[in-house]
Amino acid sequence: MKSDQSAIYYLTGPSRRAVENSPHLEGFRDKGY
């Protein structure tokens, strides 16, 4: 986990595949969270 991450981020969804391909994650991945 990124050391300066101020929160524990999560995303809920119907399946792992749906969640890991979600556009909601793009900015967080870009920041290394």
ModelCIF file with pLDDT and N, C-alpha, C, O atoms, coordinates in Angstrom:
data_MODEL
#
_entry.id   MODEL 
#
_entity.id                         1 
_entity.type                       polymer 
_entity.pdbx_number_of_molecules   1 
#
_entity_poly.entity_id                      1 
_entity_poly.type                           'polypeptide(L)' 
_entity_poly.nstd_linkage                   no 
_entity_poly.nstd_monomer                   no 
_entity_poly.pdbx_seq_one_letter_code       MKSDQSAIYYLTGPSRRAVENSPHLEGFRDKGY 
_entity_poly.pdbx_seq_one_letter_code_can   MKSDQSAIYYLTGPSRRAVENSPHLEGFRDKGY 
_entity_poly.pdbx_strand_id                 A 
#
loop_
_entity_poly_seq.entity_id 
_entity_poly_seq.num 
_entity_poly_seq.mon_id 
_entity_poly_seq.hetero 
1 1  MET n 
1 2  LYS n 
1 3  SER n 
1 4  ASP n 
1 5  GLN n 
1 6  SER n 
1 7  ALA n 
1 8  ILE n 
1 9  TYR n 
1 10 TYR n 
1 11 LEU n 
1 12 THR n 
1 13 GLY n 
1 14 PRO n 
1 15 SER n 
1 16 ARG n 
1 17 ARG n 
1 18 ALA n 
1 19 VAL n 
1 20 GLU n 
1 21 ASN n 
1 22 SER n 
1 23 PRO n 
1 24 HIS n 
1 25 LEU n 
1 26 GLU n 
1 27 GLY n 
1 28 PHE n 
1 29 ARG n 
1 30 ASP n 
1 31 LYS n 
1 32 GLY n 
1 33 TYR n 
#
_struct_asym.id          A 
_struct_asym.entity_id   1 
#
loop_
_ma_qa_metric.id 
_ma_qa_metric.mode 
_ma_qa_metric.name 
_ma_qa_metric.software_group_id 
_ma_qa_metric.type 
1 global pLDDT . pLDDT 
2 local  pLDDT . pLDDT 
#
_ma_qa_metric_global.metric_id      1 
_ma_qa_metric_global.metric_value   83.85 
_ma_qa_metric_global.model_id       1 
_ma_qa_metric_global.ordinal_id     1 
#
loop_
_ma_qa_metric_local.label_asym_id 
_ma_qa_metric_local.label_comp_id 
_ma_qa_metric_local.label_seq_id 
_ma_qa_metric_local.metric_id 
_ma_qa_metric_local.metric_value 
_ma_qa_metric_local.model_id 
_ma_qa_metric_local.ordinal_id 
A MET 1  2 48.00 1 1  
A LYS 2  2 54.00 1 2  
A SER 3  2 46.00 1 3  
A ASP 4  2 53.00 1 4  
A GLN 5  2 72.00 1 5  
A SER 6  2 77.00 1 6  
A ALA 7  2 85.00 1 7  
A ILE 8  2 88.00 1 8  
A TYR 9  2 91.00 1 9  
A TYR 10 2 90.00 1 10 
A LEU 11 2 90.00 1 11 
A THR 12 2 85.00 1 12 
A GLY 13 2 82.00 1 13 
A PRO 14 2 81.00 1 14 
A SER 15 2 85.00 1 15 
A ARG 16 2 90.00 1 16 
A ARG 17 2 90.00 1 17 
A ALA 18 2 87.00 1 18 
A VAL 19 2 89.00 1 19 
A GLU 20 2 91.00 1 20 
A ASN 21 2 91.00 1 21 
A SER 22 2 93.00 1 22 
A PRO 23 2 94.00 1 23 
A HIS 24 2 94.00 1 24 
A LEU 25 2 94.00 1 25 
A GLU 26 2 94.00 1 26 
A GLY 27 2 91.00 1 27 
A PHE 28 2 91.00 1 28 
A ARG 29 2 92.00 1 29 
A ASP 30 2 91.00 1 30 
A LYS 31 2 88.00 1 31 
A GLY 32 2 90.00 1 32 
A TYR 33 2 90.00 1 33 
#
loop_
_atom_site.group_PDB 
_atom_site.id 
_atom_site.type_symbol 
_atom_site.label_atom_id 
_atom_site.label_alt_id 
_atom_site.label_comp_id 
_atom_site.label_asym_id 
_atom_site.label_entity_id 
_atom_site.label_seq_id 
_atom_site.pdbx_PDB_ins_code 
_atom_site.Cartn_x 
_atom_site.Cartn_y 
_atom_site.Cartn_z 
_atom_site.occupancy 
_atom_site.B_iso_or_equiv 
_atom_site.pdbx_formal_charge 
_atom_site.auth_seq_id 
_atom_site.auth_comp_id 
_atom_site.auth_asym_id 
_atom_site.auth_atom_id 
_atom_site.pdbx_PDB_model_num 
ATOM 1   N N  . MET A 1 1  ? 0.846   -1.183  0.000   1.00 48.00 ? 1  MET A N  1 
ATOM 2   C CA . MET A 1 1  ? 0.000   0.000   0.000   1.00 48.00 ? 1  MET A CA 1 
ATOM 3   C C  . MET A 1 1  ? 0.889   1.244   0.000   1.00 48.00 ? 1  MET A C  1 
ATOM 4   O O  . MET A 1 1  ? 1.921   1.274   0.671   1.00 48.00 ? 1  MET A O  1 
ATOM 5   N N  . LYS A 1 2  ? 0.497   2.248   -0.737  1.00 54.00 ? 2  LYS A N  1 
ATOM 6   C CA . LYS A 1 2  ? 1.275   3.475   -0.812  1.00 54.00 ? 2  LYS A CA 1 
ATOM 7   C C  . LYS A 1 2  ? 1.353   4.100   0.575   1.00 54.00 ? 2  LYS A C  1 
ATOM 8   O O  . LYS A 1 2  ? 0.337   4.218   1.260   1.00 54.00 ? 2  LYS A O  1 
ATOM 9   N N  . SER A 1 3  ? 2.551   4.501   0.996   1.00 46.00 ? 3  SER A N  1 
ATOM 10  C CA . SER A 1 3  ? 2.746   4.965   2.368   1.00 46.00 ? 3  SER A CA 1 
ATOM 11  C C  . SER A 1 3  ? 1.983   6.242   2.699   1.00 46.00 ? 3  SER A C  1 
ATOM 12  O O  . SER A 1 3  ? 1.596   6.441   3.850   1.00 46.00 ? 3  SER A O  1 
ATOM 13  N N  . ASP A 1 4  ? 1.757   7.120   1.704   1.00 53.00 ? 4  ASP A N  1 
ATOM 14  C CA . ASP A 1 4  ? 1.051   8.365   1.985   1.00 53.00 ? 4  ASP A CA 1 
ATOM 15  C C  . ASP A 1 4  ? -0.450  8.253   1.718   1.00 53.00 ? 4  ASP A C  1 
ATOM 16  O O  . ASP A 1 4  ? -1.157  9.261   1.691   1.00 53.00 ? 4  ASP A O  1 
ATOM 17  N N  . GLN A 1 5  ? -0.932  7.025   1.522   1.00 72.00 ? 5  GLN A N  1 
ATOM 18  C CA . GLN A 1 5  ? -2.364  6.828   1.283   1.00 72.00 ? 5  GLN A CA 1 
ATOM 19  C C  . GLN A 1 5  ? -3.114  7.178   2.558   1.00 72.00 ? 5  GLN A C  1 
ATOM 20  O O  . GLN A 1 5  ? -2.893  6.571   3.606   1.00 72.00 ? 5  GLN A O  1 
ATOM 21  N N  . SER A 1 6  ? -4.004  8.163   2.463   1.00 77.00 ? 6  SER A N  1 
ATOM 22  C CA . SER A 1 6  ? -4.677  8.677   3.660   1.00 77.00 ? 6  SER A CA 1 
ATOM 23  C C  . SER A 1 6  ? -5.910  7.880   4.052   1.00 77.00 ? 6  SER A C  1 
ATOM 24  O O  . SER A 1 6  ? -6.440  8.056   5.149   1.00 77.00 ? 6  SER A O  1 
ATOM 25  N N  . ALA A 1 7  ? -6.372  7.007   3.169   1.00 85.00 ? 7  ALA A N  1 
ATOM 26  C CA . ALA A 1 7  ? -7.560  6.208   3.453   1.00 85.00 ? 7  ALA A CA 1 
ATOM 27  C C  . ALA A 1 7  ? -7.365  4.815   2.875   1.00 85.00 ? 7  ALA A C  1 
ATOM 28  O O  . ALA A 1 7  ? -6.444  4.576   2.094   1.00 85.00 ? 7  ALA A O  1 
ATOM 29  N N  . ILE A 1 8  ? -8.240  3.903   3.267   1.00 88.00 ? 8  ILE A N  1 
ATOM 30  C CA . ILE A 1 8  ? -8.260  2.574   2.655   1.00 88.00 ? 8  ILE A CA 1 
ATOM 31  C C  . ILE A 1 8  ? -9.378  2.612   1.620   1.00 88.00 ? 8  ILE A C  1 
ATOM 32  O O  . ILE A 1 8  ? -10.557 2.706   1.963   1.00 88.00 ? 8  ILE A O  1 
ATOM 33  N N  . TYR A 1 9  ? -8.998  2.539   0.375   1.00 91.00 ? 9  TYR A N  1 
ATOM 34  C CA . TYR A 1 9  ? -9.966  2.640   -0.707  1.00 91.00 ? 9  TYR A CA 1 
ATOM 35  C C  . TYR A 1 9  ? -10.506 1.260   -1.065  1.00 91.00 ? 9  TYR A C  1 
ATOM 36  O O  . TYR A 1 9  ? -9.793  0.258   -1.003  1.00 91.00 ? 9  TYR A O  1 
ATOM 37  N N  . TYR A 1 10 ? -11.783 1.234   -1.440  1.00 90.00 ? 10 TYR A N  1 
ATOM 38  C CA . TYR A 1 10 ? -12.409 -0.018  -1.838  1.00 90.00 ? 10 TYR A CA 1 
ATOM 39  C C  . TYR A 1 10 ? -13.419 0.251   -2.945  1.00 90.00 ? 10 TYR A C  1 
ATOM 40  O O  . TYR A 1 10 ? -13.851 1.382   -3.164  1.00 90.00 ? 10 TYR A O  1 
ATOM 41  N N  . LEU A 1 11 ? -13.780 -0.828  -3.636  1.00 90.00 ? 11 LEU A N  1 
ATOM 42  C CA . LEU A 1 11 ? -14.833 -0.754  -4.642  1.00 90.00 ? 11 LEU A CA 1 
ATOM 43  C C  . LEU A 1 11 ? -15.630 -2.044  -4.585  1.00 90.00 ? 11 LEU A C  1 
ATOM 44  O O  . LEU A 1 11 ? -15.066 -3.138  -4.609  1.00 90.00 ? 11 LEU A O  1 
ATOM 45  N N  . THR A 1 12 ? -16.951 -1.906  -4.508  1.00 85.00 ? 12 THR A N  1 
ATOM 46  C CA . THR A 1 12 ? -17.826 -3.071  -4.472  1.00 85.00 ? 12 THR A CA 1 
ATOM 47  C C  . THR A 1 12 ? -18.397 -3.317  -5.863  1.00 85.00 ? 12 THR A C  1 
ATOM 48  O O  . THR A 1 12 ? -18.496 -2.403  -6.682  1.00 85.00 ? 12 THR A O  1 
ATOM 49  N N  . GLY A 1 13 ? -18.769 -4.567  -6.112  1.00 82.00 ? 13 GLY A N  1 
ATOM 50  C CA . GLY A 1 13 ? -19.355 -4.904  -7.398  1.00 82.00 ? 13 GLY A CA 1 
ATOM 51  C C  . GLY A 1 13 ? -19.816 -6.342  -7.442  1.00 82.00 ? 13 GLY A C  1 
ATOM 52  O O  . GLY A 1 13 ? -19.621 -7.098  -6.490  1.00 82.00 ? 13 GLY A O  1 
ATOM 53  N N  . PRO A 1 14 ? -20.438 -6.722  -8.567  1.00 81.00 ? 14 PRO A N  1 
ATOM 54  C CA . PRO A 1 14 ? -21.007 -8.058  -8.673  1.00 81.00 ? 14 PRO A CA 1 
ATOM 55  C C  . PRO A 1 14 ? -19.978 -9.172  -8.863  1.00 81.00 ? 14 PRO A C  1 
ATOM 56  O O  . PRO A 1 14 ? -20.266 -10.336 -8.581  1.00 81.00 ? 14 PRO A O  1 
ATOM 57  N N  . SER A 1 15 ? -18.777 -8.823  -9.341  1.00 85.00 ? 15 SER A N  1 
ATOM 58  C CA . SER A 1 15 ? -17.746 -9.841  -9.570  1.00 85.00 ? 15 SER A CA 1 
ATOM 59  C C  . SER A 1 15 ? -16.370 -9.180  -9.583  1.00 85.00 ? 15 SER A C  1 
ATOM 60  O O  . SER A 1 15 ? -16.247 -7.969  -9.766  1.00 85.00 ? 15 SER A O  1 
ATOM 61  N N  . ARG A 1 16 ? -15.348 -9.996  -9.387  1.00 90.00 ? 16 ARG A N  1 
ATOM 62  C CA . ARG A 1 16 ? -13.973 -9.467  -9.419  1.00 90.00 ? 16 ARG A CA 1 
ATOM 63  C C  . ARG A 1 16 ? -13.668 -8.853  -10.782 1.00 90.00 ? 16 ARG A C  1 
ATOM 64  O O  . ARG A 1 16 ? -13.050 -7.792  -10.868 1.00 90.00 ? 16 ARG A O  1 
ATOM 65  N N  . ARG A 1 17 ? -14.102 -9.521  -11.835 1.00 90.00 ? 17 ARG A N  1 
ATOM 66  C CA . ARG A 1 17 ? -13.823 -9.020  -13.183 1.00 90.00 ? 17 ARG A CA 1 
ATOM 67  C C  . ARG A 1 17 ? -14.452 -7.643  -13.406 1.00 90.00 ? 17 ARG A C  1 
ATOM 68  O O  . ARG A 1 17 ? -13.814 -6.749  -13.962 1.00 90.00 ? 17 ARG A O  1 
ATOM 69  N N  . ALA A 1 18 ? -15.698 -7.477  -12.973 1.00 87.00 ? 18 ALA A N  1 
ATOM 70  C CA . ALA A 1 18 ? -16.381 -6.193  -13.127 1.00 87.00 ? 18 ALA A CA 1 
ATOM 71  C C  . ALA A 1 18 ? -15.659 -5.102  -12.344 1.00 87.00 ? 18 ALA A C  1 
ATOM 72  O O  . ALA A 1 18 ? -15.492 -3.985  -12.835 1.00 87.00 ? 18 ALA A O  1 
ATOM 73  N N  . VAL A 1 19 ? -15.234 -5.425  -11.129 1.00 89.00 ? 19 VAL A N  1 
ATOM 74  C CA . VAL A 1 19 ? -14.582 -4.432  -10.282 1.00 89.00 ? 19 VAL A CA 1 
ATOM 75  C C  . VAL A 1 19 ? -13.199 -4.069  -10.813 1.00 89.00 ? 19 VAL A C  1 
ATOM 76  O O  . VAL A 1 19 ? -12.866 -2.887  -10.902 1.00 89.00 ? 19 VAL A O  1 
ATOM 77  N N  . GLU A 1 20 ? -12.392 -5.063  -11.167 1.00 91.00 ? 20 GLU A N  1 
ATOM 78  C CA . GLU A 1 20 ? -11.029 -4.747  -11.593 1.00 91.00 ? 20 GLU A CA 1 
ATOM 79  C C  . GLU A 1 20 ? -10.965 -4.033  -12.938 1.00 91.00 ? 20 GLU A C  1 
ATOM 80  O O  . GLU A 1 20 ? -9.951  -3.415  -13.261 1.00 91.00 ? 20 GLU A O  1 
ATOM 81  N N  . ASN A 1 21 ? -12.042 -4.111  -13.731 1.00 91.00 ? 21 ASN A N  1 
ATOM 82  C CA . ASN A 1 21 ? -12.080 -3.395  -15.013 1.00 91.00 ? 21 ASN A CA 1 
ATOM 83  C C  . ASN A 1 21 ? -12.863 -2.092  -14.927 1.00 91.00 ? 21 ASN A C  1 
ATOM 84  O O  . ASN A 1 21 ? -13.090 -1.444  -15.949 1.00 91.00 ? 21 ASN A O  1 
ATOM 85  N N  . SER A 1 22 ? -13.275 -1.701  -13.741 1.00 93.00 ? 22 SER A N  1 
ATOM 86  C CA . SER A 1 22 ? -14.094 -0.497  -13.562 1.00 93.00 ? 22 SER A CA 1 
ATOM 87  C C  . SER A 1 22 ? -13.295 0.768   -13.869 1.00 93.00 ? 22 SER A C  1 
ATOM 88  O O  . SER A 1 22 ? -12.144 0.891   -13.451 1.00 93.00 ? 22 SER A O  1 
ATOM 89  N N  . PRO A 1 23 ? -13.900 1.707   -14.597 1.00 94.00 ? 23 PRO A N  1 
ATOM 90  C CA . PRO A 1 23 ? -13.220 2.985   -14.848 1.00 94.00 ? 23 PRO A CA 1 
ATOM 91  C C  . PRO A 1 23 ? -12.981 3.795   -13.573 1.00 94.00 ? 23 PRO A C  1 
ATOM 92  O O  . PRO A 1 23 ? -12.138 4.692   -13.565 1.00 94.00 ? 23 PRO A O  1 
ATOM 93  N N  . HIS A 1 24 ? -13.713 3.492   -12.492 1.00 94.00 ? 24 HIS A N  1 
ATOM 94  C CA . HIS A 1 24 ? -13.528 4.219   -11.237 1.00 94.00 ? 24 HIS A CA 1 
ATOM 95  C C  . HIS A 1 24 ? -12.105 4.086   -10.692 1.00 94.00 ? 24 HIS A C  1 
ATOM 96  O O  . HIS A 1 24 ? -11.647 4.932   -9.924  1.00 94.00 ? 24 HIS A O  1 
ATOM 97  N N  . LEU A 1 25 ? -11.416 3.030   -11.089 1.00 94.00 ? 25 LEU A N  1 
ATOM 98  C CA . LEU A 1 25 ? -10.085 2.756   -10.542 1.00 94.00 ? 25 LEU A CA 1 
ATOM 99  C C  . LEU A 1 25 ? -8.954  3.495   -11.259 1.00 94.00 ? 25 LEU A C  1 
ATOM 100 O O  . LEU A 1 25 ? -7.840  3.558   -10.740 1.00 94.00 ? 25 LEU A O  1 
ATOM 101 N N  . GLU A 1 26 ? -9.217  4.049   -12.429 1.00 94.00 ? 26 GLU A N  1 
ATOM 102 C CA . GLU A 1 26 ? -8.143  4.584   -13.283 1.00 94.00 ? 26 GLU A CA 1 
ATOM 103 C C  . GLU A 1 26 ? -7.250  5.609   -12.581 1.00 94.00 ? 26 GLU A C  1 
ATOM 104 O O  . GLU A 1 26 ? -6.026  5.487   -12.604 1.00 94.00 ? 26 GLU A O  1 
ATOM 105 N N  . GLY A 1 27 ? -7.852  6.601   -11.970 1.00 91.00 ? 27 GLY A N  1 
ATOM 106 C CA . GLY A 1 27 ? -7.066  7.640   -11.301 1.00 91.00 ? 27 GLY A CA 1 
ATOM 107 C C  . GLY A 1 27 ? -6.312  7.114   -10.096 1.00 91.00 ? 27 GLY A C  1 
ATOM 108 O O  . GLY A 1 27 ? -5.206  7.567   -9.800  1.00 91.00 ? 27 GLY A O  1 
ATOM 109 N N  . PHE A 1 28 ? -6.912  6.153   -9.398  1.00 91.00 ? 28 PHE A N  1 
ATOM 110 C CA . PHE A 1 28 ? -6.269  5.583   -8.216  1.00 91.00 ? 28 PHE A CA 1 
ATOM 111 C C  . PHE A 1 28 ? -5.073  4.716   -8.618  1.00 91.00 ? 28 PHE A C  1 
ATOM 112 O O  . PHE A 1 28 ? -4.032  4.735   -7.963  1.00 91.00 ? 28 PHE A O  1 
ATOM 113 N N  . ARG A 1 29 ? -5.237  3.964   -9.692  1.00 92.00 ? 29 ARG A N  1 
ATOM 114 C CA . ARG A 1 29 ? -4.105  3.177   -10.205 1.00 92.00 ? 29 ARG A CA 1 
ATOM 115 C C  . ARG A 1 29 ? -2.986  4.100   -10.651 1.00 92.00 ? 29 ARG A C  1 
ATOM 116 O O  . ARG A 1 29 ? -1.810  3.839   -10.399 1.00 92.00 ? 29 ARG A O  1 
ATOM 117 N N  . ASP A 1 30 ? -3.367  5.189   -11.320 1.00 91.00 ? 30 ASP A N  1 
ATOM 118 C CA . ASP A 1 30 ? -2.391  6.148   -11.824 1.00 91.00 ? 30 ASP A CA 1 
ATOM 119 C C  . ASP A 1 30 ? -1.553  6.739   -10.691 1.00 91.00 ? 30 ASP A C  1 
ATOM 120 O O  . ASP A 1 30 ? -0.374  7.042   -10.875 1.00 91.00 ? 30 ASP A O  1 
ATOM 121 N N  . LYS A 1 31 ? -2.169  6.900   -9.523  1.00 88.00 ? 31 LYS A N  1 
ATOM 122 C CA . LYS A 1 31 ? -1.466  7.436   -8.352  1.00 88.00 ? 31 LYS A CA 1 
ATOM 123 C C  . LYS A 1 31 ? -0.736  6.349   -7.563  1.00 88.00 ? 31 LYS A C  1 
ATOM 124 O O  . LYS A 1 31 ? -0.023  6.655   -6.608  1.00 88.00 ? 31 LYS A O  1 
ATOM 125 N N  . GLY A 1 32 ? -0.906  5.083   -7.952  1.00 90.00 ? 32 GLY A N  1 
ATOM 126 C CA . GLY A 1 32 ? -0.237  3.989   -7.257  1.00 90.00 ? 32 GLY A CA 1 
ATOM 127 C C  . GLY A 1 32 ? -0.946  3.526   -5.999  1.00 90.00 ? 32 GLY A C  1 
ATOM 128 O O  . GLY A 1 32 ? -0.344  2.842   -5.172  1.00 90.00 ? 32 GLY A O  1 
ATOM 129 N N  . TYR A 1 33 ? -2.218  3.887   -5.836  1.00 90.00 ? 33 TYR A N  1 
ATOM 130 C CA . TYR A 1 33 ? -2.967  3.461   -4.659  1.00 90.00 ? 33 TYR A CA 1 
ATOM 131 C C  . TYR A 1 33 ? -3.500  2.049   -4.838  1.00 90.00 ? 33 TYR A C  1 
ATOM 132 O O  . TYR A 1 33 ? -4.159  1.520   -3.943  1.00 90.00 ? 33 TYR A O  1 
#
